[in-house]
């Protein structure tokens, strides 16, 4: 395999970023970007159908809101956490994560594709 679509290899490569993920770069105009490896690792675990591991990565982002500030991974971590919990079979926590996501996006255009998809996924949890 050439390395494309190799989620297991991606997890291995992303581990190198762990010691640096909570560092704050200079200049700080990129605040939040350093948590991106956690987000990508979480998505990779979702691709591997490892909901529990994915949830742990997205929860790390939510646990460090003062680092992520308003970077997009902060908002999307709620949605991805909901997906991870649903995959892991914890519908109660999944619903709560989706609701947190919807709370953040309450004023968004209802035609935003990711919001429409999230609402469809959430309806299946009911």
N, C-alpha and C. Protein backbone atom coordinates (compact mmCIF):
# COMPACT_ATOMS: atom_id res chain seq x y z
N UNK A 1 0.84 -1.19 0.00
CA UNK A 1 0.00 0.00 0.00
C UNK A 1 0.88 1.24 0.00
N UNK A 2 0.46 2.25 -0.70
CA UNK A 2 1.25 3.47 -0.85
C UNK A 2 1.09 4.43 0.31
N UNK A 3 0.26 4.12 1.26
CA UNK A 3 0.04 5.01 2.39
C UNK A 3 -1.25 5.79 2.30
N UNK A 4 -1.89 5.78 1.14
CA UNK A 4 -3.15 6.49 0.98
C UNK A 4 -4.26 5.66 1.61
N UNK A 5 -5.14 6.34 2.34
CA UNK A 5 -6.27 5.69 3.00
C UNK A 5 -5.83 4.60 3.96
N UNK A 6 -4.70 4.77 4.59
CA UNK A 6 -4.21 3.82 5.57
C UNK A 6 -4.36 4.47 6.95
N UNK A 7 -5.54 4.31 7.53
CA UNK A 7 -5.87 4.98 8.79
C UNK A 7 -4.96 4.54 9.92
N UNK A 8 -4.61 3.27 9.96
CA UNK A 8 -3.72 2.79 11.00
C UNK A 8 -2.37 3.49 10.97
N UNK A 9 -1.83 3.66 9.79
CA UNK A 9 -0.55 4.37 9.62
C UNK A 9 -0.71 5.84 10.01
N UNK A 10 -1.85 6.42 9.69
CA UNK A 10 -2.10 7.82 10.05
C UNK A 10 -2.06 8.00 11.56
N UNK A 11 -2.65 7.08 12.30
CA UNK A 11 -2.63 7.15 13.77
C UNK A 11 -1.18 7.15 14.25
N UNK A 12 -0.37 6.25 13.71
CA UNK A 12 1.04 6.17 14.10
C UNK A 12 1.76 7.49 13.83
N UNK A 13 1.53 8.06 12.67
CA UNK A 13 2.20 9.31 12.30
C UNK A 13 1.75 10.46 13.21
N UNK A 14 0.45 10.51 13.52
CA UNK A 14 -0.09 11.59 14.34
C UNK A 14 0.38 11.53 15.79
N UNK A 15 0.84 10.39 16.24
CA UNK A 15 1.32 10.26 17.62
C UNK A 15 2.51 11.18 17.87
N UNK A 16 3.28 11.48 16.84
CA UNK A 16 4.45 12.34 17.00
C UNK A 16 4.06 13.74 17.48
N UNK A 17 2.84 14.17 17.23
CA UNK A 17 2.39 15.51 17.61
C UNK A 17 1.94 15.60 19.06
N UNK A 18 1.69 14.48 19.70
CA UNK A 18 1.11 14.48 21.06
C UNK A 18 1.88 15.38 22.04
N UNK A 19 3.20 15.30 22.13
CA UNK A 19 3.89 16.14 23.13
C UNK A 19 3.77 17.65 22.88
N UNK A 20 3.37 18.05 21.69
CA UNK A 20 3.34 19.46 21.33
C UNK A 20 1.94 20.04 21.17
N UNK A 21 0.93 19.23 21.30
CA UNK A 21 -0.43 19.65 20.96
C UNK A 21 -0.96 20.80 21.80
N UNK A 22 -0.53 20.93 23.02
CA UNK A 22 -1.06 21.99 23.86
C UNK A 22 -0.15 23.21 23.92
N UNK A 23 0.88 23.21 23.12
CA UNK A 23 1.77 24.37 23.05
C UNK A 23 1.10 25.52 22.35
N UNK A 24 1.53 26.71 22.65
CA UNK A 24 0.96 27.90 22.03
C UNK A 24 2.01 28.50 21.11
N UNK A 25 1.74 28.57 19.81
CA UNK A 25 2.73 29.09 18.87
C UNK A 25 2.85 30.61 18.96
N UNK A 26 3.95 31.09 18.47
CA UNK A 26 4.17 32.53 18.38
C UNK A 26 4.30 32.87 16.90
N UNK A 27 3.60 33.81 16.36
CA UNK A 27 2.58 34.62 17.02
C UNK A 27 1.32 33.80 17.30
N UNK A 28 0.52 34.28 18.21
CA UNK A 28 -0.65 33.53 18.65
C UNK A 28 -1.85 33.69 17.72
N UNK A 29 -1.66 34.24 16.56
CA UNK A 29 -2.78 34.40 15.62
C UNK A 29 -3.30 33.04 15.14
N UNK A 30 -2.56 31.99 15.38
CA UNK A 30 -2.99 30.66 14.97
C UNK A 30 -3.54 29.86 16.14
N UNK A 31 -3.97 30.54 17.20
CA UNK A 31 -4.49 29.85 18.37
C UNK A 31 -5.59 28.89 17.96
N UNK A 32 -5.52 27.70 18.46
CA UNK A 32 -6.51 26.67 18.15
C UNK A 32 -5.99 25.68 17.14
N UNK A 33 -5.15 26.10 16.26
CA UNK A 33 -4.63 25.22 15.22
C UNK A 33 -3.80 24.09 15.77
N UNK A 34 -3.19 24.28 16.94
CA UNK A 34 -2.35 23.24 17.48
C UNK A 34 -3.16 22.03 17.96
N UNK A 35 -4.42 22.16 18.13
CA UNK A 35 -5.24 21.02 18.53
C UNK A 35 -5.73 20.23 17.32
N UNK A 36 -5.38 20.67 16.15
CA UNK A 36 -5.80 20.00 14.93
C UNK A 36 -5.36 18.54 14.87
N UNK A 37 -4.16 18.17 15.34
CA UNK A 37 -3.80 16.74 15.31
C UNK A 37 -4.78 15.88 16.11
N UNK A 38 -5.30 16.39 17.22
CA UNK A 38 -6.29 15.65 18.00
C UNK A 38 -7.54 15.41 17.16
N UNK A 39 -7.95 16.46 16.46
CA UNK A 39 -9.15 16.36 15.63
C UNK A 39 -8.96 15.33 14.52
N UNK A 40 -7.82 15.40 13.85
CA UNK A 40 -7.54 14.46 12.76
C UNK A 40 -7.42 13.04 13.31
N UNK A 41 -6.79 12.88 14.46
CA UNK A 41 -6.69 11.56 15.07
C UNK A 41 -8.09 11.03 15.40
N UNK A 42 -8.94 11.89 15.93
CA UNK A 42 -10.31 11.48 16.23
C UNK A 42 -11.06 11.04 14.99
N UNK A 43 -10.91 11.80 13.91
CA UNK A 43 -11.57 11.42 12.66
C UNK A 43 -11.00 10.10 12.12
N UNK A 44 -9.73 9.91 12.32
CA UNK A 44 -9.11 8.66 11.86
C UNK A 44 -9.64 7.48 12.65
N UNK A 45 -9.80 7.67 13.96
CA UNK A 45 -10.40 6.60 14.77
C UNK A 45 -11.83 6.31 14.33
N UNK A 46 -12.57 7.35 13.94
CA UNK A 46 -13.92 7.12 13.42
C UNK A 46 -13.86 6.28 12.15
N UNK A 47 -12.91 6.59 11.29
CA UNK A 47 -12.77 5.81 10.06
C UNK A 47 -12.45 4.35 10.37
N UNK A 48 -11.70 4.13 11.44
CA UNK A 48 -11.36 2.77 11.86
C UNK A 48 -12.49 2.10 12.65
N UNK A 49 -13.60 2.84 12.84
CA UNK A 49 -14.77 2.34 13.60
C UNK A 49 -14.42 2.10 15.07
N UNK A 50 -13.54 2.95 15.62
CA UNK A 50 -13.13 2.87 17.02
C UNK A 50 -13.70 4.09 17.76
N UNK A 51 -14.99 3.98 18.06
CA UNK A 51 -15.72 5.10 18.65
C UNK A 51 -15.17 5.57 19.99
N UNK A 52 -14.79 4.65 20.84
CA UNK A 52 -14.29 5.02 22.17
C UNK A 52 -13.01 5.85 22.05
N UNK A 53 -12.10 5.41 21.20
CA UNK A 53 -10.84 6.14 21.01
C UNK A 53 -11.09 7.49 20.35
N UNK A 54 -12.01 7.53 19.40
CA UNK A 54 -12.36 8.79 18.75
C UNK A 54 -12.94 9.77 19.77
N UNK A 55 -13.84 9.28 20.61
CA UNK A 55 -14.46 10.14 21.63
C UNK A 55 -13.39 10.75 22.53
N UNK A 56 -12.40 9.96 22.90
CA UNK A 56 -11.33 10.47 23.77
C UNK A 56 -10.59 11.64 23.12
N UNK A 57 -10.34 11.55 21.82
CA UNK A 57 -9.63 12.63 21.11
C UNK A 57 -10.47 13.89 21.04
N UNK A 58 -11.75 13.75 20.70
CA UNK A 58 -12.61 14.93 20.60
C UNK A 58 -12.86 15.55 21.98
N UNK A 59 -12.92 14.71 23.01
CA UNK A 59 -13.10 15.23 24.36
C UNK A 59 -11.89 16.05 24.80
N UNK A 60 -10.69 15.66 24.36
CA UNK A 60 -9.49 16.44 24.68
C UNK A 60 -9.62 17.87 24.16
N UNK A 61 -10.18 18.01 22.98
CA UNK A 61 -10.37 19.35 22.41
C UNK A 61 -11.32 20.15 23.28
N UNK A 62 -12.42 19.52 23.67
CA UNK A 62 -13.42 20.22 24.48
C UNK A 62 -12.89 20.52 25.88
N UNK A 63 -11.98 19.71 26.36
CA UNK A 63 -11.38 19.94 27.68
C UNK A 63 -10.39 21.11 27.66
N UNK A 64 -10.00 21.55 26.49
CA UNK A 64 -9.03 22.64 26.35
C UNK A 64 -9.62 23.80 25.56
N UNK A 65 -10.81 24.21 25.94
CA UNK A 65 -11.50 25.29 25.23
C UNK A 65 -10.72 26.60 25.24
N UNK A 66 -9.94 26.83 26.30
CA UNK A 66 -9.18 28.08 26.36
C UNK A 66 -8.02 28.07 25.37
N UNK A 67 -7.64 26.91 24.90
CA UNK A 67 -6.59 26.82 23.88
C UNK A 67 -7.20 26.90 22.49
N UNK A 68 -8.32 26.19 22.29
CA UNK A 68 -8.94 26.14 20.98
C UNK A 68 -9.69 27.43 20.64
N UNK A 69 -10.10 28.17 21.64
CA UNK A 69 -10.80 29.44 21.51
C UNK A 69 -11.96 29.27 20.52
N UNK A 70 -11.96 29.99 19.40
CA UNK A 70 -13.05 29.88 18.43
C UNK A 70 -12.61 29.20 17.14
N UNK A 71 -11.53 28.44 17.20
CA UNK A 71 -11.08 27.69 16.04
C UNK A 71 -12.15 26.66 15.68
N UNK A 72 -12.36 26.38 14.43
CA UNK A 72 -13.45 25.53 13.96
C UNK A 72 -13.46 24.15 14.60
N UNK A 73 -12.28 23.62 14.96
CA UNK A 73 -12.26 22.29 15.58
C UNK A 73 -12.99 22.27 16.90
N UNK A 74 -13.08 23.40 17.58
CA UNK A 74 -13.81 23.45 18.84
C UNK A 74 -15.29 23.18 18.65
N UNK A 75 -15.88 23.83 17.67
CA UNK A 75 -17.31 23.62 17.40
C UNK A 75 -17.57 22.23 16.82
N UNK A 76 -16.73 21.84 15.87
CA UNK A 76 -16.94 20.54 15.22
C UNK A 76 -16.64 19.37 16.15
N UNK A 77 -15.84 19.60 17.18
CA UNK A 77 -15.55 18.52 18.13
C UNK A 77 -16.82 18.02 18.79
N UNK A 78 -17.80 18.89 19.02
CA UNK A 78 -19.07 18.46 19.60
C UNK A 78 -19.78 17.48 18.68
N UNK A 79 -19.83 17.81 17.40
CA UNK A 79 -20.47 16.93 16.42
C UNK A 79 -19.73 15.60 16.32
N UNK A 80 -18.42 15.67 16.20
CA UNK A 80 -17.64 14.44 16.07
C UNK A 80 -17.72 13.60 17.34
N UNK A 81 -17.80 14.24 18.49
CA UNK A 81 -17.97 13.51 19.74
C UNK A 81 -19.30 12.77 19.73
N UNK A 82 -20.34 13.42 19.24
CA UNK A 82 -21.64 12.76 19.12
C UNK A 82 -21.56 11.55 18.21
N UNK A 83 -20.88 11.69 17.11
CA UNK A 83 -20.71 10.57 16.19
C UNK A 83 -19.92 9.43 16.84
N UNK A 84 -18.89 9.80 17.58
CA UNK A 84 -18.06 8.78 18.24
C UNK A 84 -18.87 8.03 19.29
N UNK A 85 -19.63 8.75 20.11
CA UNK A 85 -20.45 8.09 21.11
C UNK A 85 -21.51 7.20 20.46
N UNK A 86 -22.11 7.67 19.37
CA UNK A 86 -23.10 6.85 18.67
C UNK A 86 -22.45 5.57 18.16
N UNK A 87 -21.26 5.69 17.63
CA UNK A 87 -20.54 4.52 17.12
C UNK A 87 -20.22 3.55 18.25
N UNK A 88 -19.92 4.11 19.43
CA UNK A 88 -19.59 3.29 20.59
C UNK A 88 -20.84 2.72 21.26
N UNK A 89 -22.02 3.14 20.80
CA UNK A 89 -23.26 2.62 21.35
C UNK A 89 -23.81 3.38 22.54
N UNK A 90 -23.25 4.54 22.85
CA UNK A 90 -23.73 5.35 23.97
C UNK A 90 -24.61 6.48 23.44
N UNK A 91 -25.87 6.14 23.16
CA UNK A 91 -26.78 7.10 22.54
C UNK A 91 -27.10 8.29 23.44
N UNK A 92 -27.10 8.09 24.75
CA UNK A 92 -27.39 9.20 25.67
C UNK A 92 -26.31 10.28 25.56
N UNK A 93 -25.05 9.88 25.61
CA UNK A 93 -23.95 10.84 25.47
C UNK A 93 -23.90 11.40 24.05
N UNK A 94 -24.24 10.58 23.07
CA UNK A 94 -24.27 11.05 21.69
C UNK A 94 -25.30 12.16 21.53
N UNK A 95 -26.49 11.95 22.06
CA UNK A 95 -27.53 12.98 21.96
C UNK A 95 -27.08 14.28 22.62
N UNK A 96 -26.46 14.17 23.79
CA UNK A 96 -26.00 15.37 24.50
C UNK A 96 -24.95 16.12 23.67
N UNK A 97 -24.03 15.41 23.05
CA UNK A 97 -23.00 16.06 22.24
C UNK A 97 -23.62 16.74 21.01
N UNK A 98 -24.57 16.07 20.37
CA UNK A 98 -25.26 16.68 19.23
C UNK A 98 -25.99 17.94 19.69
N UNK A 99 -26.65 17.89 20.84
CA UNK A 99 -27.38 19.05 21.34
C UNK A 99 -26.43 20.22 21.60
N UNK A 100 -25.24 19.92 22.13
CA UNK A 100 -24.24 20.97 22.33
C UNK A 100 -23.84 21.59 20.99
N UNK A 101 -23.66 20.75 19.99
CA UNK A 101 -23.33 21.23 18.65
C UNK A 101 -24.44 22.13 18.12
N UNK A 102 -25.69 21.67 18.25
CA UNK A 102 -26.82 22.47 17.76
C UNK A 102 -26.92 23.79 18.50
N UNK A 103 -26.59 23.80 19.79
CA UNK A 103 -26.61 25.03 20.55
C UNK A 103 -25.63 26.06 20.00
N UNK A 104 -24.47 25.59 19.59
CA UNK A 104 -23.46 26.48 19.01
C UNK A 104 -23.88 26.98 17.63
N UNK A 105 -24.65 26.16 16.91
CA UNK A 105 -25.03 26.48 15.54
C UNK A 105 -26.49 26.96 15.43
N UNK A 106 -27.07 27.38 16.53
CA UNK A 106 -28.50 27.73 16.54
C UNK A 106 -28.85 28.87 15.59
N UNK A 107 -27.90 29.75 15.31
CA UNK A 107 -28.17 30.88 14.42
C UNK A 107 -27.63 30.66 13.01
N UNK A 108 -27.15 29.46 12.74
CA UNK A 108 -26.57 29.17 11.43
C UNK A 108 -27.67 29.01 10.38
N UNK A 109 -27.28 29.22 9.15
CA UNK A 109 -28.17 28.98 8.02
C UNK A 109 -28.58 27.50 8.04
N UNK A 110 -29.83 27.22 7.97
CA UNK A 110 -30.31 25.83 8.06
C UNK A 110 -29.93 24.99 6.85
N UNK A 111 -29.43 25.63 5.80
CA UNK A 111 -29.02 24.89 4.60
C UNK A 111 -27.55 24.49 4.61
N UNK A 112 -26.83 24.78 5.69
CA UNK A 112 -25.42 24.40 5.78
C UNK A 112 -25.36 22.87 5.77
N UNK A 113 -24.64 22.28 4.82
CA UNK A 113 -24.65 20.82 4.68
C UNK A 113 -24.28 20.05 5.94
N UNK A 114 -23.29 20.49 6.68
CA UNK A 114 -22.89 19.73 7.88
C UNK A 114 -23.98 19.79 8.95
N UNK A 115 -24.68 20.90 9.02
CA UNK A 115 -25.77 21.03 9.98
C UNK A 115 -26.94 20.14 9.58
N UNK A 116 -27.26 20.12 8.30
CA UNK A 116 -28.34 19.24 7.81
C UNK A 116 -28.00 17.78 8.07
N UNK A 117 -26.75 17.40 7.82
CA UNK A 117 -26.33 16.02 8.05
C UNK A 117 -26.39 15.68 9.54
N UNK A 118 -25.97 16.60 10.38
CA UNK A 118 -26.00 16.38 11.83
C UNK A 118 -27.44 16.18 12.31
N UNK A 119 -28.38 16.96 11.77
CA UNK A 119 -29.78 16.82 12.17
C UNK A 119 -30.34 15.45 11.75
N UNK A 120 -29.94 14.99 10.59
CA UNK A 120 -30.36 13.66 10.13
C UNK A 120 -29.81 12.57 11.05
N UNK A 121 -28.54 12.68 11.38
CA UNK A 121 -27.90 11.71 12.28
C UNK A 121 -28.57 11.73 13.66
N UNK A 122 -28.83 12.93 14.16
CA UNK A 122 -29.45 13.07 15.47
C UNK A 122 -30.84 12.45 15.51
N UNK A 123 -31.60 12.63 14.44
CA UNK A 123 -32.95 12.07 14.38
C UNK A 123 -32.92 10.54 14.50
N UNK A 124 -31.88 9.92 13.99
CA UNK A 124 -31.75 8.47 14.08
C UNK A 124 -31.45 7.99 15.49
N UNK A 125 -30.97 8.90 16.35
CA UNK A 125 -30.67 8.54 17.74
C UNK A 125 -31.90 8.56 18.62
N UNK A 126 -32.97 9.21 18.16
CA UNK A 126 -34.18 9.37 18.99
C UNK A 126 -34.91 8.09 19.24
